[in-house]
Amino acid sequence: KLTTTLQENISGIRVVKAFSQEKLERHKFNERNETNFDSNMSRAKI
């Protein structure tokens, strides 16, 4: 899912910039990144 978010952002970067939605995209990526981080920390705790 994190890779999907990254790929969509790079493919649609012109739309992102045209609508000044960099902040929204950072928020979407941060959510995915945090979820991935939490999954890894759960594994690390085990």
PDB file of all heavy atoms in Angstrom:
ATOM      1  N   LYS A   1       0.828  -1.207   0.000  1.00  0.00           N
ATOM      2  CA  LYS A   1       0.000   0.000   0.000  1.00  0.00           C
ATOM      3  C   LYS A   1       0.864   1.260   0.000  1.00  0.00           C
ATOM      4  O   LYS A   1       0.525   2.258  -0.646  1.00  0.00           O
ATOM      5  CB  LYS A   1      -0.918  -0.011   1.224  1.00  0.00           C
ATOM      6  CG  LYS A   1      -1.991  -1.100   1.171  1.00  0.00           C
ATOM      7  CD  LYS A   1      -2.871  -1.073   2.412  1.00  0.00           C
ATOM      8  CE  LYS A   1      -3.951  -2.154   2.346  1.00  0.00           C
ATOM      9  NZ  LYS A   1      -4.802  -2.164   3.561  1.00  0.00           N
ATOM     10  N   LEU A   2       1.974   1.216   0.729  1.00  0.00           N
ATOM     11  CA  LEU A   2       2.880   2.364   0.757  1.00  0.00           C
ATOM     12  C   LEU A   2       3.469   2.601  -0.630  1.00  0.00           C
ATOM     13  O   LEU A   2       3.561   3.748  -1.096  1.00  0.00           O
ATOM     14  CB  LEU A   2       3.993   2.114   1.776  1.00  0.00           C
ATOM     15  CG  LEU A   2       5.003   3.254   1.989  1.00  0.00           C
ATOM     16  CD1 LEU A   2       4.330   4.453   2.629  1.00  0.00           C
ATOM     17  CD2 LEU A   2       6.166   2.781   2.859  1.00  0.00           C
ATOM     18  N   THR A   3       3.861   1.520  -1.314  1.00  0.00           N
ATOM     19  CA  THR A   3       4.408   1.633  -2.661  1.00  0.00           C
ATOM     20  C   THR A   3       3.355   2.173  -3.628  1.00  0.00           C
ATOM     21  O   THR A   3       3.661   2.968  -4.512  1.00  0.00           O
ATOM     22  CB  THR A   3       4.908   0.264  -3.147  1.00  0.00           C
ATOM     23  OG1 THR A   3       5.811  -0.278  -2.185  1.00  0.00           O
ATOM     24  CG2 THR A   3       5.628   0.393  -4.472  1.00  0.00           C
ATOM     25  N   THR A   4       2.113   1.749  -3.453  1.00  0.00           N
ATOM     26  CA  THR A   4       1.028   2.245  -4.300  1.00  0.00           C
ATOM     27  C   THR A   4       0.851   3.750  -4.142  1.00  0.00           C
ATOM     28  O   THR A   4       0.707   4.485  -5.128  1.00  0.00           O
ATOM     29  CB  THR A   4      -0.288   1.524  -3.951  1.00  0.00           C
ATOM     30  OG1 THR A   4      -0.160   0.131  -4.233  1.00  0.00           O
ATOM     31  CG2 THR A   4      -1.452   2.092  -4.754  1.00  0.00           C
ATOM     32  N   THR A   5       0.856   4.215  -2.899  1.00  0.00           N
ATOM     33  CA  THR A   5       0.716   5.651  -2.641  1.00  0.00           C
ATOM     34  C   THR A   5       1.853   6.429  -3.285  1.00  0.00           C
ATOM     35  O   THR A   5       1.636   7.480  -3.904  1.00  0.00           O
ATOM     36  CB  THR A   5       0.692   5.920  -1.123  1.00  0.00           C
ATOM     37  OG1 THR A   5      -0.394   5.178  -0.542  1.00  0.00           O
ATOM     38  CG2 THR A   5       0.492   7.398  -0.829  1.00  0.00           C
ATOM     39  N   LEU A   6       3.067   5.920  -3.162  1.00  0.00           N
ATOM     40  CA  LEU A   6       4.229   6.588  -3.753  1.00  0.00           C
ATOM     41  C   LEU A   6       4.128   6.612  -5.270  1.00  0.00           C
ATOM     42  O   LEU A   6       4.359   7.660  -5.905  1.00  0.00           O
ATOM     43  CB  LEU A   6       5.503   5.854  -3.315  1.00  0.00           C
ATOM     44  CG  LEU A   6       6.818   6.366  -3.895  1.00  0.00           C
ATOM     45  CD1 LEU A   6       7.073   7.803  -3.460  1.00  0.00           C
ATOM     46  CD2 LEU A   6       7.973   5.461  -3.474  1.00  0.00           C
ATOM     47  N   GLN A   7       3.751   5.486  -5.860  1.00  0.00           N
ATOM     48  CA  GLN A   7       3.659   5.408  -7.309  1.00  0.00           C
ATOM     49  C   GLN A   7       2.598   6.354  -7.855  1.00  0.00           C
ATOM     50  O   GLN A   7       2.815   7.050  -8.854  1.00  0.00           O
ATOM     51  CB  GLN A   7       3.346   3.961  -7.716  1.00  0.00           C
ATOM     52  CG  GLN A   7       3.232   3.730  -9.222  1.00  0.00           C
ATOM     53  CD  GLN A   7       1.828   3.915  -9.735  1.00  0.00           C
ATOM     54  OE1 GLN A   7       0.862   3.664  -9.019  1.00  0.00           O
ATOM     55  NE2 GLN A   7       1.694   4.372 -10.968  1.00  0.00           N
ATOM     56  N   GLU A   8       1.437   6.415  -7.198  1.00  0.00           N
ATOM     57  CA  GLU A   8       0.363   7.297  -7.652  1.00  0.00           C
ATOM     58  C   GLU A   8       0.776   8.758  -7.543  1.00  0.00           C
ATOM     59  O   GLU A   8       0.455   9.575  -8.419  1.00  0.00           O
ATOM     60  CB  GLU A   8      -0.899   7.037  -6.836  1.00  0.00           C
ATOM     61  CG  GLU A   8      -1.587   5.724  -7.163  1.00  0.00           C
ATOM     62  CD  GLU A   8      -2.835   5.500  -6.333  1.00  0.00           C
ATOM     63  OE1 GLU A   8      -3.038   6.252  -5.353  1.00  0.00           O
ATOM     64  OE2 GLU A   8      -3.608   4.574  -6.657  1.00  0.00           O
ATOM     65  N   ASN A   9       1.489   9.095  -6.486  1.00  0.00           N
ATOM     66  CA  ASN A   9       1.908  10.481  -6.309  1.00  0.00           C
ATOM     67  C   ASN A   9       2.888  10.905  -7.398  1.00  0.00           C
ATOM     68  O   ASN A   9       2.770  11.990  -7.972  1.00  0.00           O
ATOM     69  CB  ASN A   9       2.544  10.663  -4.928  1.00  0.00           C
ATOM     70  CG  ASN A   9       3.043  12.075  -4.707  1.00  0.00           C
ATOM     71  OD1 ASN A   9       4.200  12.380  -4.970  1.00  0.00           O
ATOM     72  ND2 ASN A   9       2.160  12.944  -4.232  1.00  0.00           N
ATOM     73  N   ILE A  10       3.859  10.021  -7.687  1.00  0.00           N
ATOM     74  CA  ILE A  10       4.849  10.359  -8.710  1.00  0.00           C
ATOM     75  C   ILE A  10       4.195  10.445 -10.082  1.00  0.00           C
ATOM     76  O   ILE A  10       4.475  11.362 -10.866  1.00  0.00           O
ATOM     77  CB  ILE A  10       5.984   9.317  -8.710  1.00  0.00           C
ATOM     78  CG1 ILE A  10       6.774   9.413  -7.394  1.00  0.00           C
ATOM     79  CG2 ILE A  10       6.920   9.523  -9.898  1.00  0.00           C
ATOM     80  CD1 ILE A  10       7.811   8.342  -7.219  1.00  0.00           C
ATOM     81  N   SER A  11       3.294   9.507 -10.384  1.00  0.00           N
ATOM     82  CA  SER A  11       2.619   9.524 -11.687  1.00  0.00           C
ATOM     83  C   SER A  11       1.733  10.752 -11.845  1.00  0.00           C
ATOM     84  O   SER A  11       1.593  11.290 -12.938  1.00  0.00           O
ATOM     85  CB  SER A  11       1.777   8.254 -11.852  1.00  0.00           C
ATOM     86  OG  SER A  11       2.582   7.101 -11.818  1.00  0.00           O
ATOM     87  N   GLY A  12       1.117  11.179 -10.741  1.00  0.00           N
ATOM     88  CA  GLY A  12       0.190  12.310 -10.822  1.00  0.00           C
ATOM     89  C   GLY A  12       0.745  13.599 -10.263  1.00  0.00           C
ATOM     90  O   GLY A  12      -0.021  14.469  -9.843  1.00  0.00           O
ATOM     91  N   ILE A  13       2.075  13.747 -10.259  1.00  0.00           N
ATOM     92  CA  ILE A  13       2.692  14.907  -9.608  1.00  0.00           C
ATOM     93  C   ILE A  13       2.260  16.224 -10.250  1.00  0.00           C
ATOM     94  O   ILE A  13       2.137  17.244  -9.564  1.00  0.00           O
ATOM     95  CB  ILE A  13       4.240  14.776  -9.626  1.00  0.00           C
ATOM     96  CG1 ILE A  13       4.881  15.806  -8.694  1.00  0.00           C
ATOM     97  CG2 ILE A  13       4.774  14.881 -11.048  1.00  0.00           C
ATOM     98  CD1 ILE A  13       4.546  15.614  -7.239  1.00  0.00           C
ATOM     99  N   ARG A  14       1.979  16.220 -11.544  1.00  0.00           N
ATOM    100  CA  ARG A  14       1.555  17.460 -12.198  1.00  0.00           C
ATOM    101  C   ARG A  14       0.166  17.889 -11.730  1.00  0.00           C
ATOM    102  O   ARG A  14      -0.106  19.070 -11.558  1.00  0.00           O
ATOM    103  CB  ARG A  14       1.585  17.274 -13.720  1.00  0.00           C
ATOM    104  CG  ARG A  14       2.995  17.336 -14.279  1.00  0.00           C
ATOM    105  CD  ARG A  14       3.083  16.806 -15.704  1.00  0.00           C
ATOM    106  NE  ARG A  14       4.443  16.962 -16.194  1.00  0.00           N
ATOM    107  CZ  ARG A  14       5.460  16.174 -15.829  1.00  0.00           C
ATOM    108  NH1 ARG A  14       5.230  15.176 -14.992  1.00  0.00           N
ATOM    109  NH2 ARG A  14       6.675  16.366 -16.301  1.00  0.00           N
ATOM    110  N   VAL A  15      -0.703  16.901 -11.516  1.00  0.00           N
ATOM    111  CA  VAL A  15      -2.034  17.220 -10.986  1.00  0.00           C
ATOM    112  C   VAL A  15      -1.911  17.722  -9.552  1.00  0.00           C
ATOM    113  O   VAL A  15      -2.579  18.687  -9.151  1.00  0.00           O
ATOM    114  CB  VAL A  15      -2.947  15.977 -11.043  1.00  0.00           C
ATOM    115  CG1 VAL A  15      -4.310  16.271 -10.412  1.00  0.00           C
ATOM    116  CG2 VAL A  15      -3.118  15.513 -12.482  1.00  0.00           C
ATOM    117  N   VAL A  16      -1.045  17.085  -8.782  1.00  0.00           N
ATOM    118  CA  VAL A  16      -0.839  17.491  -7.384  1.00  0.00           C
ATOM    119  C   VAL A  16      -0.403  18.945  -7.323  1.00  0.00           C
ATOM    120  O   VAL A  16      -0.944  19.751  -6.553  1.00  0.00           O
ATOM    121  CB  VAL A  16       0.216  16.588  -6.706  1.00  0.00           C
ATOM    122  CG1 VAL A  16       0.552  17.103  -5.308  1.00  0.00           C
ATOM    123  CG2 VAL A  16      -0.296  15.157  -6.613  1.00  0.00           C
ATOM    124  N   LYS A  17       0.570  19.297  -8.137  1.00  0.00           N
ATOM    125  CA  LYS A  17       1.094  20.666  -8.104  1.00  0.00           C
ATOM    126  C   LYS A  17       0.102  21.662  -8.703  1.00  0.00           C
ATOM    127  O   LYS A  17      -0.001  22.795  -8.242  1.00  0.00           O
ATOM    128  CB  LYS A  17       2.431  20.728  -8.842  1.00  0.00           C
ATOM    129  CG  LYS A  17       3.550  20.000  -8.092  1.00  0.00           C
ATOM    130  CD  LYS A  17       4.894  20.193  -8.778  1.00  0.00           C
ATOM    131  CE  LYS A  17       6.005  19.557  -7.944  1.00  0.00           C
ATOM    132  NZ  LYS A  17       6.153  20.204  -6.627  1.00  0.00           N
ATOM    133  N   ALA A  18      -0.624  21.214  -9.734  1.00  0.00           N
ATOM    134  CA  ALA A  18      -1.596  22.115 -10.361  1.00  0.00           C
ATOM    135  C   ALA A  18      -2.683  22.530  -9.384  1.00  0.00           C
ATOM    136  O   ALA A  18      -3.178  23.662  -9.441  1.00  0.00           O
ATOM    137  CB  ALA A  18      -2.214  21.448 -11.589  1.00  0.00           C
ATOM    138  N   PHE A  19      -3.062  21.630  -8.475  1.00  0.00           N
ATOM    139  CA  PHE A  19      -4.111  21.927  -7.509  1.00  0.00           C
ATOM    140  C   PHE A  19      -3.554  22.250  -6.119  1.00  0.00           C
ATOM    141  O   PHE A  19      -4.299  22.320  -5.153  1.00  0.00           O
ATOM    142  CB  PHE A  19      -5.086  20.743  -7.409  1.00  0.00           C
ATOM    143  CG  PHE A  19      -5.979  20.606  -8.609  1.00  0.00           C
ATOM    144  CD1 PHE A  19      -5.567  19.866  -9.706  1.00  0.00           C
ATOM    145  CD2 PHE A  19      -7.213  21.240  -8.661  1.00  0.00           C
ATOM    146  CE1 PHE A  19      -6.374  19.739 -10.824  1.00  0.00           C
ATOM    147  CE2 PHE A  19      -8.021  21.115  -9.769  1.00  0.00           C
ATOM    148  CZ  PHE A  19      -7.611  20.364 -10.865  1.00  0.00           C
ATOM    149  N   SER A  20      -2.218  22.409  -6.050  1.00  0.00           N
ATOM    150  CA  SER A  20      -1.555  22.784  -4.786  1.00  0.00           C
ATOM    151  C   SER A  20      -1.946  21.848  -3.647  1.00  0.00           C
ATOM    152  O   SER A  20      -2.295  22.283  -2.542  1.00  0.00           O
ATOM    153  CB  SER A  20      -1.895  24.235  -4.422  1.00  0.00           C
ATOM    154  OG  SER A  20      -1.489  25.115  -5.429  1.00  0.00           O
ATOM    155  N   GLN A  21      -1.891  20.554  -3.920  1.00  0.00           N
ATOM    156  CA  GLN A  21      -2.299  19.567  -2.926  1.00  0.00           C
ATOM    157  C   GLN A  21      -1.106  18.787  -2.358  1.00  0.00           C
ATOM    158  O   GLN A  21      -1.241  17.636  -1.939  1.00  0.00           O
ATOM    159  CB  GLN A  21      -3.316  18.597  -3.533  1.00  0.00           C
ATOM    160  CG  GLN A  21      -4.671  19.219  -3.792  1.00  0.00           C
ATOM    161  CD  GLN A  21      -5.327  19.721  -2.516  1.00  0.00           C
ATOM    162  OE1 GLN A  21      -5.285  19.057  -1.490  1.00  0.00           O
ATOM    163  NE2 GLN A  21      -5.918  20.902  -2.583  1.00  0.00           N
ATOM    164  N   GLU A  22       0.056  19.433  -2.346  1.00  0.00           N
ATOM    165  CA  GLU A  22       1.233  18.773  -1.781  1.00  0.00           C
ATOM    166  C   GLU A  22       1.018  18.396  -0.312  1.00  0.00           C
ATOM    167  O   GLU A  22       1.433  17.319   0.135  1.00  0.00           O
ATOM    168  CB  GLU A  22       2.467  19.679  -1.899  1.00  0.00           C
ATOM    169  CG  GLU A  22       2.953  19.914  -3.317  1.00  0.00           C
ATOM    170  CD  GLU A  22       2.313  21.117  -3.969  1.00  0.00           C
ATOM    171  OE1 GLU A  22       1.264  21.592  -3.450  1.00  0.00           O
ATOM    172  OE2 GLU A  22       2.850  21.596  -4.979  1.00  0.00           O
ATOM    173  N   LYS A  23       0.355  19.286   0.418  1.00  0.00           N
ATOM    174  CA  LYS A  23       0.105  19.018   1.840  1.00  0.00           C
ATOM    175  C   LYS A  23      -0.787  17.797   2.010  1.00  0.00           C
ATOM    176  O   LYS A  23      -0.532  16.944   2.874  1.00  0.00           O
ATOM    177  CB  LYS A  23      -0.538  20.244   2.496  1.00  0.00           C
ATOM    178  CG  LYS A  23      -0.734  20.102   3.996  1.00  0.00           C
ATOM    179  CD  LYS A  23      -1.297  21.386   4.596  1.00  0.00           C
ATOM    180  CE  LYS A  23      -1.493  21.227   6.113  1.00  0.00           C
ATOM    181  NZ  LYS A  23      -2.038  22.480   6.715  1.00  0.00           N
ATOM    182  N   LEU A  24      -1.829  17.694   1.191  1.00  0.00           N
ATOM    183  CA  LEU A  24      -2.727  16.539   1.258  1.00  0.00           C
ATOM    184  C   LEU A  24      -1.980  15.254   0.936  1.00  0.00           C
ATOM    185  O   LEU A  24      -2.153  14.232   1.616  1.00  0.00           O
ATOM    186  CB  LEU A  24      -3.889  16.721   0.280  1.00  0.00           C
ATOM    187  CG  LEU A  24      -4.841  15.514   0.123  1.00  0.00           C
ATOM    188  CD1 LEU A  24      -5.548  15.224   1.439  1.00  0.00           C
ATOM    189  CD2 LEU A  24      -5.842  15.762  -0.996  1.00  0.00           C
ATOM    190  N   GLU A  25      -1.129  15.295  -0.092  1.00  0.00           N
ATOM    191  CA  GLU A  25      -0.381  14.105  -0.488  1.00  0.00           C
ATOM    192  C   GLU A  25       0.623  13.705   0.588  1.00  0.00           C
ATOM    193  O   GLU A  25       0.837  12.517   0.833  1.00  0.00           O
ATOM    194  CB  GLU A  25       0.324  14.345  -1.826  1.00  0.00           C
ATOM    195  CG  GLU A  25      -0.606  14.421  -3.014  1.00  0.00           C
ATOM    196  CD  GLU A  25      -1.418  13.158  -3.180  1.00  0.00           C
ATOM    197  OE1 GLU A  25      -0.847  12.052  -3.099  1.00  0.00           O
ATOM    198  OE2 GLU A  25      -2.646  13.255  -3.391  1.00  0.00           O
ATOM    199  N   ARG A  26       1.251  14.706   1.220  1.00  0.00           N
ATOM    200  CA  ARG A  26       2.159  14.389   2.323  1.00  0.00           C
ATOM    201  C   ARG A  26       1.408  13.718   3.464  1.00  0.00           C
ATOM    202  O   ARG A  26       1.907  12.778   4.095  1.00  0.00           O
ATOM    203  CB  ARG A  26       2.865  15.649   2.826  1.00  0.00           C
ATOM    204  CG  ARG A  26       4.009  16.128   1.939  1.00  0.00           C
ATOM    205  CD  ARG A  26       4.892  17.115   2.671  1.00  0.00           C
ATOM    206  NE  ARG A  26       4.156  18.307   3.083  1.00  0.00           N
ATOM    207  CZ  ARG A  26       4.039  19.408   2.353  1.00  0.00           C
ATOM    208  NH1 ARG A  26       4.610  19.481   1.157  1.00  0.00           N
ATOM    209  NH2 ARG A  26       3.355  20.452   2.797  1.00  0.00           N
ATOM    210  N   HIS A  27       0.189  14.205   3.710  1.00  0.00           N
ATOM    211  CA  HIS A  27      -0.623  13.618   4.779  1.00  0.00           C
ATOM    212  C   HIS A  27      -0.980  12.166   4.441  1.00  0.00           C
ATOM    213  O   HIS A  27      -0.892  11.286   5.311  1.00  0.00           O
ATOM    214  CB  HIS A  27      -1.896  14.443   4.966  1.00  0.00           C
ATOM    215  CG  HIS A  27      -2.845  13.879   5.992  1.00  0.00           C
ATOM    216  ND1 HIS A  27      -2.554  13.871   7.341  1.00  0.00           N
ATOM    217  CD2 HIS A  27      -4.071  13.277   5.852  1.00  0.00           C
ATOM    218  CE1 HIS A  27      -3.553  13.299   7.993  1.00  0.00           C
ATOM    219  NE2 HIS A  27      -4.480  12.935   7.115  1.00  0.00           N
ATOM    220  N   LYS A  28      -1.376  11.905   3.184  1.00  0.00           N
ATOM    221  CA  LYS A  28      -1.709  10.541   2.778  1.00  0.00           C
ATOM    222  C   LYS A  28      -0.497   9.622   2.918  1.00  0.00           C
ATOM    223  O   LYS A  28      -0.608   8.497   3.424  1.00  0.00           O
ATOM    224  CB  LYS A  28      -2.206  10.544   1.324  1.00  0.00           C
ATOM    225  CG  LYS A  28      -3.620  11.072   1.147  1.00  0.00           C
ATOM    226  CD  LYS A  28      -3.919  11.372  -0.307  1.00  0.00           C
ATOM    227  CE  LYS A  28      -3.778  10.166  -1.192  1.00  0.00           C
ATOM    228  NZ  LYS A  28      -4.116  10.481  -2.610  1.00  0.00           N
ATOM    229  N   PHE A  29       0.660  10.121   2.477  1.00  0.00           N
ATOM    230  CA  PHE A  29       1.859   9.289   2.563  1.00  0.00           C
ATOM    231  C   PHE A  29       2.267   9.067   4.020  1.00  0.00           C
ATOM    232  O   PHE A  29       2.681   7.967   4.400  1.00  0.00           O
ATOM    233  CB  PHE A  29       3.014   9.931   1.791  1.00  0.00           C
ATOM    234  CG  PHE A  29       4.242   9.075   1.730  1.00  0.00           C
ATOM    235  CD1 PHE A  29       4.352   8.055   0.798  1.00  0.00           C
ATOM    236  CD2 PHE A  29       5.290   9.267   2.616  1.00  0.00           C
ATOM    237  CE1 PHE A  29       5.481   7.247   0.744  1.00  0.00           C
ATOM    238  CE2 PHE A  29       6.423   8.466   2.574  1.00  0.00           C
ATOM    239  CZ  PHE A  29       6.515   7.456   1.627  1.00  0.00           C
ATOM    240  N   ASN A  30       2.141  10.118   4.812  1.00  0.00           N
ATOM    241  CA  ASN A  30       2.494   9.988   6.230  1.00  0.00           C
ATOM    242  C   ASN A  30       1.624   8.939   6.921  1.00  0.00           C
ATOM    243  O   ASN A  30       2.106   8.169   7.764  1.00  0.00           O
ATOM    244  CB  ASN A  30       2.349  11.331   6.947  1.00  0.00           C
ATOM    245  CG  ASN A  30       3.472  12.286   6.605  1.00  0.00           C
ATOM    246  OD1 ASN A  30       4.511  11.873   6.100  1.00  0.00           O
ATOM    247  ND2 ASN A  30       3.273  13.570   6.861  1.00  0.00           N
ATOM    248  N   GLU A  31       0.331   8.910   6.582  1.00  0.00           N
ATOM    249  CA  GLU A  31      -0.557   7.904   7.173  1.00  0.00           C
ATOM    250  C   GLU A  31      -0.110   6.492   6.808  1.00  0.00           C
ATOM    251  O   GLU A  31      -0.046   5.603   7.664  1.00  0.00           O
ATOM    252  CB  GLU A  31      -1.995   8.139   6.700  1.00  0.00           C
ATOM    253  CG  GLU A  31      -2.704   9.293   7.400  1.00  0.00           C
ATOM    254  CD  GLU A  31      -4.174   9.352   7.033  1.00  0.00           C
ATOM    255  OE1 GLU A  31      -4.552   8.778   5.978  1.00  0.00           O
ATOM    256  OE2 GLU A  31      -4.947   9.955   7.789  1.00  0.00           O
ATOM    257  N   ARG A  32       0.204   6.295   5.520  1.00  0.00           N
ATOM    258  CA  ARG A  32       0.681   4.980   5.084  1.00  0.00           C
ATOM    259  C   ARG A  32       2.013   4.645   5.751  1.00  0.00           C
ATOM    260  O   ARG A  32       2.252   3.508   6.184  1.00  0.00           O
ATOM    261  CB  ARG A  32       0.854   4.960   3.563  1.00  0.00           C
ATOM    262  CG  ARG A  32      -0.440   5.045   2.777  1.00  0.00           C
ATOM    263  CD  ARG A  32      -1.264   3.778   2.926  1.00  0.00           C
ATOM    264  NE  ARG A  32      -2.376   3.738   1.991  1.00  0.00           N
ATOM    265  CZ  ARG A  32      -3.427   2.977   2.126  1.00  0.00           C
ATOM    266  NH1 ARG A  32      -3.522   2.178   3.179  1.00  0.00           N
ATOM    267  NH2 ARG A  32      -4.390   2.981   1.236  1.00  0.00           N
ATOM    268  N   ASN A  33       2.880   5.643   5.814  1.00  0.00           N
ATOM    269  CA  ASN A  33       4.203   5.428   6.399  1.00  0.00           C
ATOM    270  C   ASN A  33       4.094   5.092   7.885  1.00  0.00           C
ATOM    271  O   ASN A  33       4.805   4.226   8.400  1.00  0.00           O
ATOM    272  CB  ASN A  33       5.064   6.672   6.190  1.00  0.00           C
ATOM    273  CG  ASN A  33       6.548   6.359   6.209  1.00  0.00           C
ATOM    274  OD1 ASN A  33       6.958   5.207   6.059  1.00  0.00           O
ATOM    275  ND2 ASN A  33       7.357   7.361   6.413  1.00  0.00           N
ATOM    276  N   GLU A  34       3.193   5.778   8.572  1.00  0.00           N
ATOM    277  CA  GLU A  34       3.005   5.516  10.004  1.00  0.00           C
ATOM    278  C   GLU A  34       2.422   4.114  10.235  1.00  0.00           C
ATOM    279  O   GLU A  34       2.819   3.416  11.173  1.00  0.00           O
ATOM    280  CB  GLU A  34       2.082   6.568  10.610  1.00  0.00           C
ATOM    281  CG  GLU A  34       2.746   7.929  10.804  1.00  0.00           C
ATOM    282  CD  GLU A  34       1.785   8.967  11.346  1.00  0.00           C
ATOM    283  OE1 GLU A  34       0.639   8.586  11.662  1.00  0.00           O
ATOM    284  OE2 GLU A  34       2.169  10.146  11.438  1.00  0.00           O
ATOM    285  N   THR A  35       1.481   3.724   9.360  1.00  0.00           N
ATOM    286  CA  THR A  35       0.913   2.380   9.480  1.00  0.00           C
ATOM    287  C   THR A  35       1.986   1.319   9.256  1.00  0.00           C
ATOM    288  O   THR A  35       2.055   0.314   9.972  1.00  0.00           O
ATOM    289  CB  THR A  35      -0.230   2.181   8.460  1.00  0.00           C
ATOM    290  OG1 THR A  35      -1.217   3.192   8.657  1.00  0.00           O
ATOM    291  CG2 THR A  35      -0.880   0.817   8.625  1.00  0.00           C
ATOM    292  N   ASN A  36       2.839   1.574   8.246  1.00  0.00           N
ATOM    293  CA  ASN A  36       3.940   0.654   7.986  1.00  0.00           C
ATOM    294  C   ASN A  36       4.909   0.618   9.165  1.00  0.00           C
ATOM    295  O   ASN A  36       5.402  -0.445   9.559  1.00  0.00           O
ATOM    296  CB  ASN A  36       4.670   1.078   6.711  1.00  0.00           C
ATOM    297  CG  ASN A  36       5.753   0.103   6.310  1.00  0.00           C
ATOM    298  OD1 ASN A  36       5.504  -1.067   6.034  1.00  0.00           O
ATOM    299  ND2 ASN A  36       6.986   0.582   6.284  1.00  0.00           N
ATOM    300  N   PHE A  37       5.163   1.797   9.748  1.00  0.00           N
ATOM    301  CA  PHE A  37       6.041   1.891  10.916  1.00  0.00           C
ATOM    302  C   PHE A  37       5.453   1.108  12.095  1.00  0.00           C
ATOM    303  O   PHE A  37       6.160   0.343  12.762  1.00  0.00           O
ATOM    304  CB  PHE A  37       6.221   3.363  11.293  1.00  0.00           C
ATOM    305  CG  PHE A  37       6.995   3.583  12.571  1.00  0.00           C
ATOM    306  CD1 PHE A  37       8.380   3.569  12.576  1.00  0.00           C
ATOM    307  CD2 PHE A  37       6.334   3.800  13.775  1.00  0.00           C
ATOM    308  CE1 PHE A  37       9.094   3.769  13.750  1.00  0.00           C
ATOM    309  CE2 PHE A  37       7.030   4.006  14.949  1.00  0.00           C
ATOM    310  CZ  PHE A  37       8.417   3.989  14.938  1.00  0.00           C
ATOM    311  N   ASP A  38       4.152   1.280  12.318  1.00  0.00           N
ATOM    312  CA  ASP A  38       3.499   0.572  13.427  1.00  0.00           C
ATOM    313  C   ASP A  38       3.551  -0.944  13.224  1.00  0.00           C
ATOM    314  O   ASP A  38       3.756  -1.698  14.184  1.00  0.00           O
ATOM    315  CB  ASP A  38       2.042   1.025  13.559  1.00  0.00           C
ATOM    316  CG  ASP A  38       1.927   2.474  14.041  1.00  0.00           C
ATOM    317  OD1 ASP A  38       2.912   2.974  14.619  1.00  0.00           O
ATOM    318  OD2 ASP A  38       0.863   3.085  13.818  1.00  0.00           O
ATOM    319  N   SER A  39       3.363  -1.379  11.975  1.00  0.00           N
ATOM    320  CA  SER A  39       3.421  -2.821  11.683  1.00  0.00           C
ATOM    321  C   SER A  39       4.813  -3.369  11.983  1.00  0.00           C
ATOM    322  O   SER A  39       4.970  -4.456  12.554  1.00  0.00           O
ATOM    323  CB  SER A  39       3.056  -3.090  10.219  1.00  0.00           C
ATOM    324  OG  SER A  39       1.727  -2.693   9.950  1.00  0.00           O
ATOM    325  N   ASN A  40       5.827  -2.610  11.596  1.00  0.00           N
ATOM    326  CA  ASN A  40       7.194  -3.054  11.853  1.00  0.00           C
ATOM    327  C   ASN A  40       7.523  -3.044  13.340  1.00  0.00           C
ATOM    328  O   ASN A  40       8.254  -3.918  13.825  1.00  0.00           O
ATOM    329  CB  ASN A  40       8.187  -2.174  11.090  1.00  0.00           C
ATOM    330  CG  ASN A  40       8.425  -2.666   9.674  1.00  0.00           C
ATOM    331  OD1 ASN A  40       9.117  -3.657   9.452  1.00  0.00           O
ATOM    332  ND2 ASN A  40       7.824  -1.985   8.706  1.00  0.00           N
ATOM    333  N   MET A  41       6.992  -2.059  14.065  1.00  0.00           N
ATOM    334  CA  MET A  41       7.251  -2.016  15.505  1.00  0.00           C
ATOM    335  C   MET A  41       6.527  -3.141  16.235  1.00  0.00           C
ATOM    336  O   MET A  41       7.036  -3.665  17.236  1.00  0.00           O
ATOM    337  CB  MET A  41       6.834  -0.658  16.069  1.00  0.00           C
ATOM    338  CG  MET A  41       7.760   0.490  15.656  1.00  0.00           C
ATOM    339  SD  MET A  41       9.513   0.135  15.916  1.00  0.00           S
ATOM    340  CE  MET A  41       9.560  -0.126  17.694  1.00  0.00           C
ATOM    341  N   SER A  42       5.354  -3.533  15.733  1.00  0.00           N
ATOM    342  CA  SER A  42       4.662  -4.681  16.322  1.00  0.00           C
ATOM    343  C   SER A  42       5.491  -5.945  16.128  1.00  0.00           C
ATOM    344  O   SER A  42       5.618  -6.781  17.034  1.00  0.00           O
ATOM    345  CB  SER A  42       3.288  -4.856  15.673  1.00  0.00           C
ATOM    346  OG  SER A  42       2.461  -3.752  15.944  1.00  0.00           O
ATOM    347  N   ARG A  43       6.059  -6.069  14.930  1.00  0.00           N
ATOM    348  CA  ARG A  43       6.940  -7.201  14.670  1.00  0.00           C
ATOM    349  C   ARG A  43       8.188  -7.140  15.542  1.00  0.00           C
ATOM    350  O   ARG A  43       8.627  -8.150  16.120  1.00  0.00           O
ATOM    351  CB  ARG A  43       7.315  -7.200  13.194  1.00  0.00           C
ATOM    352  CG  ARG A  43       8.214  -8.343  12.743  1.00  0.00           C
ATOM    353  CD  ARG A  43       9.681  -7.962  12.690  1.00  0.00           C
ATOM    354  NE  ARG A  43       9.868  -6.712  11.984  1.00  0.00           N
ATOM    355  CZ  ARG A  43      10.988  -6.006  12.050  1.00  0.00           C
ATOM    356  NH1 ARG A  43      11.971  -6.404  12.837  1.00  0.00           N
ATOM    357  NH2 ARG A  43      11.112  -4.879  11.387  1.00  0.00           N
ATOM    358  N   ALA A  44       8.762  -5.944  15.695  1.00  0.00           N
ATOM    359  CA  ALA A  44       9.965  -5.785  16.525  1.00  0.00           C
ATOM    360  C   ALA A  44       9.675  -6.110  17.992  1.00  0.00           C
ATOM    361  O   ALA A  44      10.537  -6.654  18.699  1.00  0.00           O
ATOM    362  CB  ALA A  44      10.495  -4.361  16.393  1.00  0.00           C
ATOM    363  N   LYS A  45       8.464  -5.789  18.454  1.00  0.00           N
ATOM    364  CA  LYS A  45       8.098  -6.083  19.840  1.00  0.00           C
ATOM    365  C   LYS A  45       8.041  -7.594  20.077  1.00  0.00           C
ATOM    366  O   LYS A  45       8.484  -8.094  21.121  1.00  0.00           O
ATOM    367  CB  LYS A  45       6.747  -5.438  20.162  1.00  0.00           C
ATOM    368  CG  LYS A  45       6.353  -5.514  21.638  1.00  0.00           C
ATOM    369  CD  LYS A  45       5.015  -4.828  21.878  1.00  0.00           C
ATOM    370  CE  LYS A  45       5.112  -3.337  21.621  1.00  0.00           C
ATOM    371  NZ  LYS A  45       3.834  -2.649  21.957  1.00  0.00           N
ATOM    372  N   ILE A  46       7.503  -8.311  19.081  1.00  0.00           N
ATOM    373  CA  ILE A  46       7.463  -9.771  19.192  1.00  0.00           C
ATOM    374  C   ILE A  46       8.884 -10.333  19.260  1.00  0.00           C
ATOM    375  O   ILE A  46       9.197 -11.204  20.076  1.00  0.00           O
ATOM    376  CB  ILE A  46       6.693 -10.380  18.009  1.00  0.00           C
ATOM    377  CG1 ILE A  46       5.225  -9.942  18.050  1.00  0.00           C
ATOM    378  CG2 ILE A  46       6.792 -11.902  18.010  1.00  0.00           C
ATOM    379  CD1 ILE A  46       4.445 -10.319  16.809  1.00  0.00           C
TER     380      ILE A  46
END
